[in-house]
């Protein structure tokens, strides 16, 4: 790969970086994670040894690793910002009055909701607690049904991850 300029390599591996960002649903902070992917690609470009395998495999591992490293760093930063009272967390402060769920005797659910984005929390609150359809939620927030479905999909994925780690 040293016979190519890094800009050429970056253009060639652009789809790899974008696919990793999409795979982990990191599109809301696309630039941040794209930059991390480029840093991983740069490291692969600089340290690649052709005697040890193919560049594409090596680049994949380093790009993915750098993006996941950035994700862990971001999660750690967010964990430090979140208070122990779920009703005072940064996520809950962004919800409107009608979005808040009633205080639950068992705060466990609120502890899980803290890991979700604002829109994912809206889906949980309105679909589960208010029994609204996805079409009603979409209409209320002025988005498409497909957007609400993506909130659902991402929320369920995150909740499964959180449930498996606790």
N, C-alpha and C. Protein backbone atom coordinates (compact mmCIF):
# COMPACT_ATOMS: atom_id res chain seq x y z
N UNK A 1 0.81 -1.21 0.00
CA UNK A 1 0.00 0.00 0.00
C UNK A 1 0.85 1.27 0.00
N UNK A 2 2.10 1.14 0.31
CA UNK A 2 2.97 2.32 0.33
C UNK A 2 3.17 2.91 -1.06
N UNK A 3 2.86 2.16 -2.10
CA UNK A 3 3.00 2.69 -3.45
C UNK A 3 1.85 3.65 -3.80
N UNK A 4 0.85 3.73 -2.92
CA UNK A 4 -0.29 4.64 -3.12
C UNK A 4 -0.24 5.76 -2.09
N UNK A 5 -0.75 6.91 -2.46
CA UNK A 5 -0.90 8.00 -1.50
C UNK A 5 -2.01 7.66 -0.51
N UNK A 6 -1.92 8.19 0.71
CA UNK A 6 -2.95 7.89 1.70
C UNK A 6 -4.32 8.38 1.23
N UNK A 7 -4.37 9.49 0.53
CA UNK A 7 -5.64 10.02 0.04
C UNK A 7 -6.32 9.00 -0.88
N UNK A 8 -5.54 8.30 -1.68
CA UNK A 8 -6.09 7.27 -2.56
C UNK A 8 -6.62 6.08 -1.76
N UNK A 9 -5.85 5.71 -0.75
CA UNK A 9 -6.27 4.60 0.13
C UNK A 9 -7.54 5.00 0.88
N UNK A 10 -7.58 6.23 1.37
CA UNK A 10 -8.76 6.72 2.10
C UNK A 10 -9.99 6.71 1.20
N UNK A 11 -9.85 7.12 -0.04
CA UNK A 11 -10.98 7.10 -0.97
C UNK A 11 -11.41 5.66 -1.25
N UNK A 12 -10.46 4.75 -1.35
CA UNK A 12 -10.76 3.36 -1.64
C UNK A 12 -11.47 2.68 -0.45
N UNK A 13 -11.11 3.07 0.78
CA UNK A 13 -11.68 2.44 1.97
C UNK A 13 -12.78 3.27 2.62
N UNK A 14 -13.21 4.33 1.95
CA UNK A 14 -14.32 5.15 2.44
C UNK A 14 -15.57 4.31 2.72
N UNK A 15 -15.96 3.39 1.83
CA UNK A 15 -17.14 2.57 2.12
C UNK A 15 -16.99 1.70 3.38
N UNK A 16 -15.78 1.25 3.65
CA UNK A 16 -15.54 0.45 4.87
C UNK A 16 -15.82 1.28 6.11
N UNK A 17 -15.29 2.49 6.14
CA UNK A 17 -15.49 3.36 7.30
C UNK A 17 -16.97 3.67 7.48
N UNK A 18 -17.64 4.01 6.40
CA UNK A 18 -19.07 4.35 6.48
C UNK A 18 -19.90 3.13 6.90
N UNK A 19 -19.53 1.96 6.43
CA UNK A 19 -20.30 0.76 6.80
C UNK A 19 -20.16 0.45 8.29
N UNK A 20 -18.99 0.69 8.85
CA UNK A 20 -18.79 0.46 10.28
C UNK A 20 -19.58 1.47 11.11
N UNK A 21 -19.65 2.70 10.65
CA UNK A 21 -20.44 3.72 11.35
C UNK A 21 -21.91 3.34 11.32
N UNK A 22 -22.40 2.90 10.17
CA UNK A 22 -23.80 2.48 10.06
C UNK A 22 -24.07 1.23 10.87
N UNK A 23 -23.12 0.30 10.87
CA UNK A 23 -23.31 -0.97 11.59
C UNK A 23 -23.56 -0.73 13.08
N UNK A 24 -22.86 0.22 13.64
CA UNK A 24 -23.00 0.51 15.07
C UNK A 24 -23.95 1.67 15.34
N UNK A 25 -24.70 2.10 14.34
CA UNK A 25 -25.71 3.16 14.48
C UNK A 25 -25.12 4.44 15.08
N UNK A 26 -24.04 4.89 14.52
CA UNK A 26 -23.34 6.07 15.03
C UNK A 26 -23.50 7.27 14.11
N UNK A 27 -24.55 7.28 13.32
CA UNK A 27 -24.72 8.32 12.31
C UNK A 27 -25.02 9.70 12.89
N UNK A 28 -25.49 9.77 14.14
CA UNK A 28 -25.77 11.09 14.71
C UNK A 28 -24.49 11.89 14.95
N UNK A 29 -23.38 11.21 15.15
CA UNK A 29 -22.08 11.87 15.32
C UNK A 29 -21.15 11.37 14.23
N UNK A 30 -21.65 11.40 13.01
CA UNK A 30 -20.95 10.81 11.87
C UNK A 30 -19.52 11.32 11.73
N UNK A 31 -19.33 12.65 11.76
CA UNK A 31 -17.99 13.22 11.55
C UNK A 31 -16.99 12.74 12.58
N UNK A 32 -17.42 12.67 13.83
CA UNK A 32 -16.54 12.22 14.92
C UNK A 32 -16.06 10.79 14.67
N UNK A 33 -16.98 9.91 14.30
CA UNK A 33 -16.62 8.51 14.10
C UNK A 33 -15.94 8.28 12.75
N UNK A 34 -16.26 9.10 11.77
CA UNK A 34 -15.56 9.00 10.49
C UNK A 34 -14.09 9.36 10.68
N UNK A 35 -13.83 10.40 11.46
CA UNK A 35 -12.46 10.81 11.77
C UNK A 35 -11.73 9.68 12.49
N UNK A 36 -12.40 9.03 13.43
CA UNK A 36 -11.78 7.90 14.14
C UNK A 36 -11.46 6.78 13.15
N UNK A 37 -12.35 6.51 12.22
CA UNK A 37 -12.11 5.49 11.21
C UNK A 37 -10.91 5.84 10.33
N UNK A 38 -10.80 7.11 9.97
CA UNK A 38 -9.64 7.55 9.18
C UNK A 38 -8.34 7.38 9.96
N UNK A 39 -8.39 7.65 11.25
CA UNK A 39 -7.19 7.46 12.07
C UNK A 39 -6.79 5.99 12.11
N UNK A 40 -7.78 5.10 12.22
CA UNK A 40 -7.50 3.67 12.18
C UNK A 40 -6.90 3.26 10.84
N UNK A 41 -7.44 3.82 9.76
CA UNK A 41 -6.93 3.53 8.43
C UNK A 41 -5.50 4.06 8.26
N UNK A 42 -5.24 5.23 8.81
CA UNK A 42 -3.89 5.81 8.74
C UNK A 42 -2.89 4.91 9.47
N UNK A 43 -3.30 4.42 10.64
CA UNK A 43 -2.40 3.52 11.38
C UNK A 43 -2.15 2.26 10.57
N UNK A 44 -3.19 1.72 9.94
CA UNK A 44 -3.02 0.53 9.10
C UNK A 44 -2.08 0.83 7.95
N UNK A 45 -2.24 1.98 7.34
CA UNK A 45 -1.42 2.41 6.21
C UNK A 45 0.06 2.51 6.62
N UNK A 46 0.29 3.06 7.80
CA UNK A 46 1.66 3.27 8.27
C UNK A 46 2.33 2.00 8.77
N UNK A 47 1.58 1.06 9.33
CA UNK A 47 2.20 -0.09 10.00
C UNK A 47 2.00 -1.41 9.26
N UNK A 48 1.38 -1.39 8.09
CA UNK A 48 1.10 -2.63 7.37
C UNK A 48 2.37 -3.35 6.94
N UNK A 49 2.38 -4.67 7.18
CA UNK A 49 3.47 -5.54 6.76
C UNK A 49 2.89 -6.56 5.79
N UNK A 50 3.21 -6.47 4.50
CA UNK A 50 2.62 -7.36 3.50
C UNK A 50 2.92 -8.84 3.74
N UNK A 51 3.94 -9.13 4.51
CA UNK A 51 4.28 -10.53 4.80
C UNK A 51 3.30 -11.17 5.78
N UNK A 52 2.50 -10.37 6.44
CA UNK A 52 1.59 -10.89 7.46
C UNK A 52 0.15 -11.01 6.99
N UNK A 53 -0.15 -10.71 5.75
CA UNK A 53 -1.52 -10.85 5.26
C UNK A 53 -1.92 -9.74 4.33
N UNK A 54 -3.23 -9.66 4.10
CA UNK A 54 -3.77 -8.65 3.19
C UNK A 54 -4.03 -7.34 3.91
N UNK A 55 -3.83 -6.26 3.17
CA UNK A 55 -4.05 -4.93 3.75
C UNK A 55 -5.52 -4.74 4.13
N UNK A 56 -6.44 -5.21 3.30
CA UNK A 56 -7.86 -4.97 3.55
C UNK A 56 -8.30 -5.57 4.89
N UNK A 57 -7.82 -6.76 5.21
CA UNK A 57 -8.16 -7.38 6.50
C UNK A 57 -7.58 -6.59 7.66
N UNK A 58 -6.34 -6.18 7.51
CA UNK A 58 -5.67 -5.41 8.54
C UNK A 58 -6.36 -4.06 8.73
N UNK A 59 -6.70 -3.41 7.63
CA UNK A 59 -7.38 -2.12 7.70
C UNK A 59 -8.74 -2.26 8.38
N UNK A 60 -9.47 -3.31 8.06
CA UNK A 60 -10.78 -3.54 8.68
C UNK A 60 -10.67 -3.60 10.19
N UNK A 61 -9.70 -4.38 10.68
CA UNK A 61 -9.54 -4.54 12.13
C UNK A 61 -9.19 -3.21 12.79
N UNK A 62 -8.27 -2.46 12.20
CA UNK A 62 -7.85 -1.20 12.82
C UNK A 62 -8.92 -0.11 12.72
N UNK A 63 -9.63 -0.06 11.61
CA UNK A 63 -10.71 0.93 11.45
C UNK A 63 -11.81 0.64 12.47
N UNK A 64 -12.27 -0.60 12.50
CA UNK A 64 -13.33 -0.97 13.46
C UNK A 64 -12.87 -0.74 14.89
N UNK A 65 -11.64 -1.13 15.19
CA UNK A 65 -11.12 -0.95 16.55
C UNK A 65 -11.07 0.50 16.96
N UNK A 66 -10.66 1.36 16.05
CA UNK A 66 -10.56 2.79 16.38
C UNK A 66 -11.95 3.40 16.57
N UNK A 67 -12.92 2.99 15.75
CA UNK A 67 -14.29 3.49 15.90
C UNK A 67 -14.87 3.02 17.23
N UNK A 68 -14.67 1.75 17.58
CA UNK A 68 -15.18 1.23 18.85
C UNK A 68 -14.48 1.88 20.04
N UNK A 69 -13.20 2.17 19.88
CA UNK A 69 -12.46 2.88 20.93
C UNK A 69 -13.07 4.26 21.16
N UNK A 70 -13.40 4.95 20.09
CA UNK A 70 -14.04 6.26 20.18
C UNK A 70 -15.42 6.15 20.84
N UNK A 71 -16.15 5.10 20.49
CA UNK A 71 -17.47 4.86 21.08
C UNK A 71 -17.35 4.62 22.59
N UNK A 72 -16.38 3.81 23.00
CA UNK A 72 -16.17 3.56 24.43
C UNK A 72 -15.80 4.85 25.16
N UNK A 73 -14.95 5.66 24.53
CA UNK A 73 -14.55 6.94 25.13
C UNK A 73 -15.77 7.84 25.31
N UNK A 74 -16.62 7.88 24.29
CA UNK A 74 -17.84 8.70 24.37
C UNK A 74 -18.78 8.18 25.45
N UNK A 75 -18.92 6.86 25.54
CA UNK A 75 -19.79 6.26 26.56
C UNK A 75 -19.27 6.57 27.96
N UNK A 76 -17.98 6.51 28.14
CA UNK A 76 -17.39 6.83 29.44
C UNK A 76 -17.64 8.29 29.79
N UNK A 77 -17.49 9.16 28.80
CA UNK A 77 -17.75 10.59 29.04
C UNK A 77 -19.21 10.81 29.43
N UNK A 78 -20.12 10.15 28.74
CA UNK A 78 -21.54 10.30 29.05
C UNK A 78 -21.87 9.73 30.42
N UNK A 79 -21.25 8.61 30.78
CA UNK A 79 -21.49 8.03 32.10
C UNK A 79 -21.09 8.98 33.21
N UNK A 80 -20.03 9.74 32.99
CA UNK A 80 -19.59 10.69 34.00
C UNK A 80 -20.56 11.86 34.12
N UNK A 81 -21.26 12.19 33.02
CA UNK A 81 -22.21 13.29 33.04
C UNK A 81 -23.55 12.91 33.65
N UNK A 82 -23.91 11.65 33.60
CA UNK A 82 -25.23 11.20 34.04
C UNK A 82 -25.23 11.10 35.56
N UNK A 83 -26.22 11.71 36.17
CA UNK A 83 -26.34 11.63 37.62
C UNK A 83 -26.90 10.28 38.01
N UNK A 84 -26.86 9.95 39.27
CA UNK A 84 -27.38 8.67 39.73
C UNK A 84 -28.90 8.64 39.79
N UNK A 85 -29.54 9.80 39.88
CA UNK A 85 -31.00 9.86 39.85
C UNK A 85 -31.45 9.93 38.40
N UNK A 86 -32.12 8.89 37.91
CA UNK A 86 -32.48 8.87 36.50
C UNK A 86 -33.37 10.02 36.07
N UNK A 87 -34.13 10.61 37.00
CA UNK A 87 -35.00 11.72 36.63
C UNK A 87 -34.22 13.03 36.49
N UNK A 88 -32.96 13.03 36.92
CA UNK A 88 -32.13 14.21 36.77
C UNK A 88 -31.07 14.02 35.69
N UNK A 89 -31.08 12.89 35.01
CA UNK A 89 -30.07 12.62 34.01
C UNK A 89 -30.21 13.59 32.84
N UNK A 90 -29.15 13.73 32.07
CA UNK A 90 -29.14 14.61 30.90
C UNK A 90 -30.22 14.20 29.91
N UNK A 91 -30.41 12.91 29.72
CA UNK A 91 -31.39 12.43 28.76
C UNK A 91 -32.80 12.86 29.16
N UNK A 92 -33.13 12.70 30.44
CA UNK A 92 -34.48 13.02 30.87
C UNK A 92 -34.74 14.52 30.87
N UNK A 93 -33.71 15.33 31.01
CA UNK A 93 -33.90 16.76 30.98
C UNK A 93 -34.32 17.25 29.61
N UNK A 94 -33.98 16.50 28.55
CA UNK A 94 -34.32 16.90 27.19
C UNK A 94 -35.75 16.54 26.81
N UNK A 95 -36.37 15.66 27.55
CA UNK A 95 -37.73 15.26 27.22
C UNK A 95 -38.71 16.35 27.62
N UNK A 96 -39.77 16.50 26.85
CA UNK A 96 -40.79 17.48 27.22
C UNK A 96 -41.62 16.93 28.36
N UNK A 97 -42.45 17.77 28.95
CA UNK A 97 -43.27 17.36 30.09
C UNK A 97 -44.13 16.14 29.74
N UNK A 98 -44.70 16.13 28.56
CA UNK A 98 -45.58 15.02 28.18
C UNK A 98 -44.80 13.73 27.93
N UNK A 99 -43.49 13.82 27.76
CA UNK A 99 -42.68 12.64 27.51
C UNK A 99 -42.29 11.90 28.79
N UNK A 100 -42.30 12.60 29.90
CA UNK A 100 -41.83 11.98 31.13
C UNK A 100 -42.72 10.81 31.54
N UNK A 101 -42.06 9.77 32.00
CA UNK A 101 -42.83 8.64 32.51
C UNK A 101 -43.07 8.88 33.99
N UNK A 102 -44.14 8.33 34.51
CA UNK A 102 -44.40 8.53 35.94
C UNK A 102 -43.29 7.88 36.76
N UNK A 103 -43.07 8.44 37.94
CA UNK A 103 -42.04 7.89 38.82
C UNK A 103 -42.44 6.46 39.16
N UNK A 104 -41.55 5.56 38.92
CA UNK A 104 -41.85 4.15 39.15
C UNK A 104 -41.31 3.72 40.51
N UNK A 105 -42.08 2.88 41.20
CA UNK A 105 -41.59 2.36 42.47
C UNK A 105 -40.28 1.62 42.24
N UNK A 106 -40.24 0.88 41.18
CA UNK A 106 -39.02 0.17 40.83
C UNK A 106 -38.29 1.01 39.79
N UNK A 107 -37.20 1.64 40.18
CA UNK A 107 -36.49 2.55 39.28
C UNK A 107 -35.63 1.83 38.25
N UNK A 108 -35.67 0.54 38.25
CA UNK A 108 -34.83 -0.23 37.33
C UNK A 108 -35.06 0.19 35.89
N UNK A 109 -36.32 0.33 35.49
CA UNK A 109 -36.61 0.70 34.10
C UNK A 109 -35.97 2.05 33.76
N UNK A 110 -36.06 3.00 34.67
CA UNK A 110 -35.46 4.31 34.43
C UNK A 110 -33.94 4.21 34.26
N UNK A 111 -33.32 3.30 35.00
CA UNK A 111 -31.88 3.13 34.86
C UNK A 111 -31.53 2.60 33.47
N UNK A 112 -32.39 1.78 32.89
CA UNK A 112 -32.14 1.28 31.54
C UNK A 112 -32.42 2.37 30.51
N UNK A 113 -33.43 3.19 30.74
CA UNK A 113 -33.77 4.25 29.79
C UNK A 113 -32.66 5.29 29.68
N UNK A 114 -31.86 5.43 30.71
CA UNK A 114 -30.77 6.41 30.68
C UNK A 114 -29.79 6.12 29.55
N UNK A 115 -29.72 4.88 29.10
CA UNK A 115 -28.77 4.50 28.06
C UNK A 115 -29.28 4.81 26.65
N UNK A 116 -30.51 5.28 26.55
CA UNK A 116 -31.12 5.52 25.24
C UNK A 116 -31.04 6.98 24.85
N UNK A 117 -31.10 7.24 23.55
CA UNK A 117 -31.15 8.61 23.07
C UNK A 117 -32.54 9.19 23.38
N UNK A 118 -32.67 10.47 23.17
CA UNK A 118 -33.95 11.14 23.41
C UNK A 118 -35.07 10.50 22.59
N UNK A 119 -34.84 10.26 21.32
CA UNK A 119 -35.88 9.68 20.46
C UNK A 119 -36.19 8.23 20.85
N UNK A 120 -35.18 7.48 21.24
CA UNK A 120 -35.42 6.11 21.67
C UNK A 120 -36.25 6.10 22.96
N UNK A 121 -35.97 7.03 23.86
CA UNK A 121 -36.76 7.14 25.08
C UNK A 121 -38.20 7.51 24.74
N UNK A 122 -38.36 8.40 23.77
CA UNK A 122 -39.72 8.78 23.36
C UNK A 122 -40.49 7.57 22.86
N UNK A 123 -39.81 6.73 22.07
CA UNK A 123 -40.49 5.53 21.57
C UNK A 123 -40.93 4.66 22.73
N UNK A 124 -40.06 4.41 23.68
CA UNK A 124 -40.41 3.56 24.83
C UNK A 124 -41.58 4.15 25.60
N UNK A 125 -41.49 5.43 25.92
CA UNK A 125 -42.53 6.08 26.72
C UNK A 125 -43.87 6.08 26.00
N UNK A 126 -43.88 6.50 24.75
CA UNK A 126 -45.15 6.65 24.04
C UNK A 126 -45.72 5.31 23.56
N UNK A 127 -44.87 4.39 23.19
CA UNK A 127 -45.37 3.11 22.69
C UNK A 127 -45.75 2.19 23.85
N UNK A 128 -44.90 2.11 24.84
CA UNK A 128 -45.11 1.17 25.94
C UNK A 128 -46.07 1.73 26.99
N UNK A 129 -45.84 2.96 27.44
CA UNK A 129 -46.64 3.51 28.53
C UNK A 129 -47.94 4.16 28.05
N UNK A 130 -47.87 4.86 26.92
CA UNK A 130 -49.07 5.54 26.42
C UNK A 130 -49.80 4.73 25.36
N UNK A 131 -49.25 3.56 25.00
CA UNK A 131 -49.89 2.63 24.07
C UNK A 131 -50.23 3.28 22.72
N UNK A 132 -49.37 4.15 22.25
CA UNK A 132 -49.59 4.80 20.97
C UNK A 132 -48.99 3.95 19.86
N UNK A 133 -49.58 4.03 18.69
CA UNK A 133 -49.03 3.33 17.54
C UNK A 133 -47.83 4.10 17.01
N UNK A 134 -47.05 3.44 16.18
CA UNK A 134 -45.89 4.12 15.60
C UNK A 134 -46.34 5.28 14.71
N UNK A 135 -47.48 5.12 14.05
CA UNK A 135 -48.00 6.20 13.21
C UNK A 135 -48.37 7.42 14.07
N UNK A 136 -48.98 7.18 15.23
CA UNK A 136 -49.34 8.29 16.13
C UNK A 136 -48.10 9.00 16.67
N UNK A 137 -47.09 8.22 17.00
CA UNK A 137 -45.84 8.81 17.50
C UNK A 137 -45.20 9.65 16.40
N UNK A 138 -45.18 9.11 15.19
CA UNK A 138 -44.60 9.83 14.06
C UNK A 138 -45.32 11.15 13.83
N UNK A 139 -46.64 11.12 13.89
CA UNK A 139 -47.42 12.33 13.68
C UNK A 139 -47.15 13.35 14.79
N UNK A 140 -47.09 12.88 16.03
CA UNK A 140 -46.88 13.77 17.16
C UNK A 140 -45.54 14.52 17.06
N UNK A 141 -44.50 13.82 16.59
CA UNK A 141 -43.18 14.43 16.55
C UNK A 141 -42.78 14.91 15.16
N UNK A 142 -43.70 14.80 14.20
CA UNK A 142 -43.45 15.33 12.87
C UNK A 142 -42.35 14.59 12.11
N UNK A 143 -42.31 13.28 12.29
CA UNK A 143 -41.33 12.46 11.58
C UNK A 143 -42.06 11.34 10.84
N UNK A 144 -41.34 10.59 10.05
CA UNK A 144 -41.96 9.48 9.32
C UNK A 144 -42.10 8.26 10.23
N UNK A 145 -42.96 7.35 9.80
CA UNK A 145 -43.10 6.08 10.54
C UNK A 145 -41.79 5.31 10.51
N UNK A 146 -41.05 5.45 9.41
CA UNK A 146 -39.77 4.76 9.31
C UNK A 146 -38.78 5.27 10.35
N UNK A 147 -38.83 6.56 10.64
CA UNK A 147 -37.96 7.13 11.67
C UNK A 147 -38.30 6.52 13.03
N UNK A 148 -39.60 6.43 13.32
CA UNK A 148 -40.03 5.86 14.59
C UNK A 148 -39.61 4.38 14.66
N UNK A 149 -39.72 3.68 13.54
CA UNK A 149 -39.29 2.28 13.52
C UNK A 149 -37.79 2.16 13.79
N UNK A 150 -37.01 3.12 13.28
CA UNK A 150 -35.57 3.07 13.55
C UNK A 150 -35.29 3.37 15.02
N UNK A 151 -36.09 4.26 15.64
CA UNK A 151 -35.95 4.50 17.09
C UNK A 151 -36.19 3.20 17.84
N UNK A 152 -37.27 2.49 17.43
CA UNK A 152 -37.62 1.23 18.09
C UNK A 152 -36.49 0.22 17.95
N UNK A 153 -36.01 0.06 16.74
CA UNK A 153 -34.97 -0.94 16.47
C UNK A 153 -33.72 -0.65 17.30
N UNK A 154 -33.28 0.60 17.29
CA UNK A 154 -32.07 0.97 18.03
C UNK A 154 -32.29 0.86 19.54
N UNK A 155 -33.48 1.25 20.01
CA UNK A 155 -33.79 1.17 21.44
C UNK A 155 -33.76 -0.28 21.91
N UNK A 156 -34.39 -1.15 21.16
CA UNK A 156 -34.42 -2.56 21.55
C UNK A 156 -33.03 -3.17 21.54
N UNK A 157 -32.23 -2.79 20.57
CA UNK A 157 -30.86 -3.31 20.49
C UNK A 157 -30.05 -2.86 21.70
N UNK A 158 -30.14 -1.57 22.03
CA UNK A 158 -29.40 -1.05 23.19
C UNK A 158 -29.90 -1.68 24.48
N UNK A 159 -31.22 -1.81 24.61
CA UNK A 159 -31.77 -2.39 25.84
C UNK A 159 -31.34 -3.84 26.01
N UNK A 160 -31.28 -4.58 24.91
CA UNK A 160 -30.80 -5.97 24.99
C UNK A 160 -29.35 -6.00 25.46
N UNK A 161 -28.54 -5.08 24.94
CA UNK A 161 -27.14 -5.01 25.32
C UNK A 161 -27.01 -4.68 26.81
N UNK A 162 -27.78 -3.69 27.25
CA UNK A 162 -27.71 -3.27 28.65
C UNK A 162 -28.21 -4.40 29.56
N UNK A 163 -29.28 -5.06 29.17
CA UNK A 163 -29.80 -6.17 29.98
C UNK A 163 -28.79 -7.30 30.09
N UNK A 164 -28.08 -7.56 29.01
CA UNK A 164 -27.09 -8.64 29.04
C UNK A 164 -25.87 -8.32 29.86
N UNK A 165 -25.57 -7.03 30.07
CA UNK A 165 -24.40 -6.64 30.85
C UNK A 165 -24.72 -6.46 32.33
N UNK A 166 -25.99 -6.39 32.67
CA UNK A 166 -26.35 -6.21 34.09
C UNK A 166 -26.75 -7.50 34.72
